[in-house]
């Protein structure tokens, strides 16, 4: 299970499905914004902090960590 999903479940009392849905939506928004050239690193850091309540350190886990515990590039 994704580290961010675990945090949201424990900290915010979310179900696994709720946490996965939120993480998926945030990841989709950020990925699309990066691909279209709208978001800088600072923008992504702010989105993660505002939407997920997490420090920018979690950008890697959001964008590059797959459920099968493999990093994607």
Protein backbone atom coordinates (compact mmCIF):
# COMPACT_ATOMS: atom_id res chain seq x y z
CA UNK A 1 0.00 0.00 0.00
CA UNK A 2 1.22 3.48 -0.84
CA UNK A 3 2.83 5.31 2.08
CA UNK A 4 0.59 8.34 1.52
CA UNK A 5 -2.55 6.20 1.62
CA UNK A 6 -1.43 4.74 4.95
CA UNK A 7 -0.83 8.20 6.38
CA UNK A 8 -4.22 9.50 5.28
CA UNK A 9 -5.97 6.46 6.71
CA UNK A 10 -4.29 6.79 10.08
CA UNK A 11 -4.17 10.58 10.41
CA UNK A 12 -7.54 11.46 8.84
CA UNK A 13 -9.49 8.29 9.66
CA UNK A 14 -10.15 7.66 5.97
CA UNK A 15 -11.04 4.30 4.57
CA UNK A 16 -8.55 2.80 2.18
CA UNK A 17 -10.90 3.51 -0.73
CA UNK A 18 -11.30 7.17 0.27
CA UNK A 19 -7.56 7.65 0.66
CA UNK A 20 -6.80 5.98 -2.68
CA UNK A 21 -9.43 8.11 -4.42
CA UNK A 22 -7.98 11.33 -3.00
CA UNK A 23 -4.40 10.36 -3.80
CA UNK A 24 -5.41 9.34 -7.32
CA UNK A 25 -7.20 12.63 -7.94
CA UNK A 26 -4.30 14.71 -6.65
CA UNK A 27 -1.79 12.66 -8.64
CA UNK A 28 -3.86 13.03 -11.81
CA UNK A 29 -4.18 16.80 -11.32
CA UNK A 30 -0.45 17.24 -10.71
CA UNK A 31 0.59 14.97 -13.57
CA UNK A 32 -1.68 16.79 -16.01
CA UNK A 33 -0.48 20.19 -14.78
CA UNK A 34 3.16 19.20 -15.19
CA UNK A 35 2.60 17.73 -18.66
CA UNK A 36 0.80 20.87 -19.80
CA UNK A 37 3.47 23.12 -18.32
CA UNK A 38 1.20 24.77 -15.75
CA UNK A 39 2.87 23.57 -12.54
CA UNK A 40 6.35 24.24 -11.23
CA UNK A 41 7.94 22.33 -8.36
CA UNK A 42 6.71 25.03 -6.00
CA UNK A 43 3.15 24.63 -7.32
CA UNK A 44 3.29 20.86 -6.80
CA UNK A 45 4.66 21.33 -3.28
CA UNK A 46 1.77 23.68 -2.45
CA UNK A 47 -0.83 21.28 -3.87
CA UNK A 48 0.52 18.38 -1.82
CA UNK A 49 0.50 20.52 1.30
CA UNK A 50 -2.97 21.98 0.68
CA UNK A 51 -4.77 18.91 -0.63
CA UNK A 52 -3.05 16.15 1.33
CA UNK A 53 -1.62 18.01 4.32
CA UNK A 54 1.84 16.63 3.61
CA UNK A 55 5.30 18.12 3.28
CA UNK A 56 6.91 18.39 -0.18
CA UNK A 57 9.09 15.41 0.79
CA UNK A 58 6.19 13.21 -0.30
CA UNK A 59 6.27 14.34 -3.95
CA UNK A 60 8.35 11.28 -4.86
CA UNK A 61 5.90 8.91 -3.20
CA UNK A 62 2.98 10.53 -4.96
CA UNK A 63 4.42 10.65 -8.46
CA UNK A 64 6.92 7.81 -8.69
CA UNK A 65 5.84 5.00 -6.36
CA UNK A 66 3.72 2.19 -7.75
CA UNK A 67 1.57 -0.11 -5.67
CA UNK A 68 3.86 -3.03 -6.46
CA UNK A 69 6.61 -1.29 -4.47
CA UNK A 70 8.60 -0.30 -7.52
CA UNK A 71 9.83 3.12 -8.47
CA UNK A 72 8.72 4.28 -11.89
CA UNK A 73 10.57 6.79 -14.00
